[in-house]
């Protein structure tokens, strides 16, 4: 579905998406030259989770 939409919009140069592999694959299949970037919410969310795990791992230090 996404790949079909992207094919109908060949002027798309940047695809902003979450980390789902299906979205990445659709983007690559439909617009191989488009730049794929992570959206701000998911980048911050993933960073917060990683920091939380790291801090928890060192809580006994």
C-alpha atoms as a PDB file:
ATOM      1  CA  UNK A   1       0.000   0.000   0.000  1.00  0.00           C
ATOM      2  CA  UNK A   2       2.739   2.485   0.932  1.00  0.00           C
ATOM      3  CA  UNK A   3       4.897   1.450  -2.009  1.00  0.00           C
ATOM      4  CA  UNK A   4       1.957   2.013  -4.376  1.00  0.00           C
ATOM      5  CA  UNK A   5       1.302   5.481  -2.898  1.00  0.00           C
ATOM      6  CA  UNK A   6       4.968   6.409  -3.188  1.00  0.00           C
ATOM      7  CA  UNK A   7       5.063   5.269  -6.818  1.00  0.00           C
ATOM      8  CA  UNK A   8       2.165   7.645  -7.546  1.00  0.00           C
ATOM      9  CA  UNK A   9       4.228  10.476  -6.007  1.00  0.00           C
ATOM     10  CA  UNK A  10       7.624  10.170  -7.718  1.00  0.00           C
ATOM     11  CA  UNK A  11       8.703  13.652  -6.583  1.00  0.00           C
ATOM     12  CA  UNK A  12       9.118  12.467  -2.989  1.00  0.00           C
ATOM     13  CA  UNK A  13      12.759  12.919  -2.011  1.00  0.00           C
ATOM     14  CA  UNK A  14      12.620  12.286   1.750  1.00  0.00           C
ATOM     15  CA  UNK A  15      10.581   9.645   3.588  1.00  0.00           C
ATOM     16  CA  UNK A  16      10.163  10.225   7.327  1.00  0.00           C
ATOM     17  CA  UNK A  17       9.230   7.008   9.109  1.00  0.00           C
ATOM     18  CA  UNK A  18       9.463   4.947  12.259  1.00  0.00           C
ATOM     19  CA  UNK A  19      11.780   1.975  12.579  1.00  0.00           C
ATOM     20  CA  UNK A  20       9.442  -0.657  11.124  1.00  0.00           C
ATOM     21  CA  UNK A  21      11.202  -2.797   8.536  1.00  0.00           C
ATOM     22  CA  UNK A  22       8.100  -3.008   6.340  1.00  0.00           C
ATOM     23  CA  UNK A  23       8.011   0.750   5.866  1.00  0.00           C
ATOM     24  CA  UNK A  24      11.728   0.817   5.054  1.00  0.00           C
ATOM     25  CA  UNK A  25      11.329  -1.960   2.504  1.00  0.00           C
ATOM     26  CA  UNK A  26       8.362  -0.231   0.835  1.00  0.00           C
ATOM     27  CA  UNK A  27      10.321   2.989   0.628  1.00  0.00           C
ATOM     28  CA  UNK A  28      13.317   1.289  -0.938  1.00  0.00           C
ATOM     29  CA  UNK A  29      11.187  -0.617  -3.451  1.00  0.00           C
ATOM     30  CA  UNK A  30       9.149   2.397  -4.547  1.00  0.00           C
ATOM     31  CA  UNK A  31      11.731   5.193  -4.346  1.00  0.00           C
ATOM     32  CA  UNK A  32      15.200   3.714  -4.209  1.00  0.00           C
ATOM     33  CA  UNK A  33      16.867   7.148  -4.293  1.00  0.00           C
ATOM     34  CA  UNK A  34      14.730   8.757  -1.574  1.00  0.00           C
ATOM     35  CA  UNK A  35      16.415   9.559   1.721  1.00  0.00           C
ATOM     36  CA  UNK A  36      14.794   7.742   4.637  1.00  0.00           C
ATOM     37  CA  UNK A  37      14.946   9.453   8.009  1.00  0.00           C
ATOM     38  CA  UNK A  38      13.594   8.588  11.440  1.00  0.00           C
ATOM     39  CA  UNK A  39      10.847  10.740  12.862  1.00  0.00           C
ATOM     40  CA  UNK A  40      11.676  12.874  15.886  1.00  0.00           C
ATOM     41  CA  UNK A  41       9.303  11.112  18.303  1.00  0.00           C
ATOM     42  CA  UNK A  42      10.737   7.651  17.637  1.00  0.00           C
ATOM     43  CA  UNK A  43      14.334   8.886  17.790  1.00  0.00           C
ATOM     44  CA  UNK A  44      13.773  10.487  21.215  1.00  0.00           C
ATOM     45  CA  UNK A  45      11.719   7.523  22.457  1.00  0.00           C
ATOM     46  CA  UNK A  46      14.403   5.015  21.450  1.00  0.00           C
ATOM     47  CA  UNK A  47      17.126   7.185  22.977  1.00  0.00           C
ATOM     48  CA  UNK A  48      15.203   7.469  26.260  1.00  0.00           C
ATOM     49  CA  UNK A  49      14.753   3.697  26.412  1.00  0.00           C
ATOM     50  CA  UNK A  50      18.450   3.075  25.747  1.00  0.00           C
ATOM     51  CA  UNK A  51      19.517   5.610  28.381  1.00  0.00           C
ATOM     52  CA  UNK A  52      17.085   4.124  30.905  1.00  0.00           C
ATOM     53  CA  UNK A  53      18.532   0.644  30.365  1.00  0.00           C
ATOM     54  CA  UNK A  54      22.081   1.923  30.697  1.00  0.00           C
ATOM     55  CA  UNK A  55      21.329   3.835  33.897  1.00  0.00           C
ATOM     56  CA  UNK A  56      19.498   0.832  35.376  1.00  0.00           C
ATOM     57  CA  UNK A  57      22.465  -1.371  34.554  1.00  0.00           C
ATOM     58  CA  UNK A  58      24.760   0.907  36.570  1.00  0.00           C
ATOM     59  CA  UNK A  59      22.396   1.565  39.485  1.00  0.00           C
ATOM     60  CA  UNK A  60      24.544  -0.570  41.772  1.00  0.00           C
ATOM     61  CA  UNK A  61      27.727   1.397  41.052  1.00  0.00           C
END
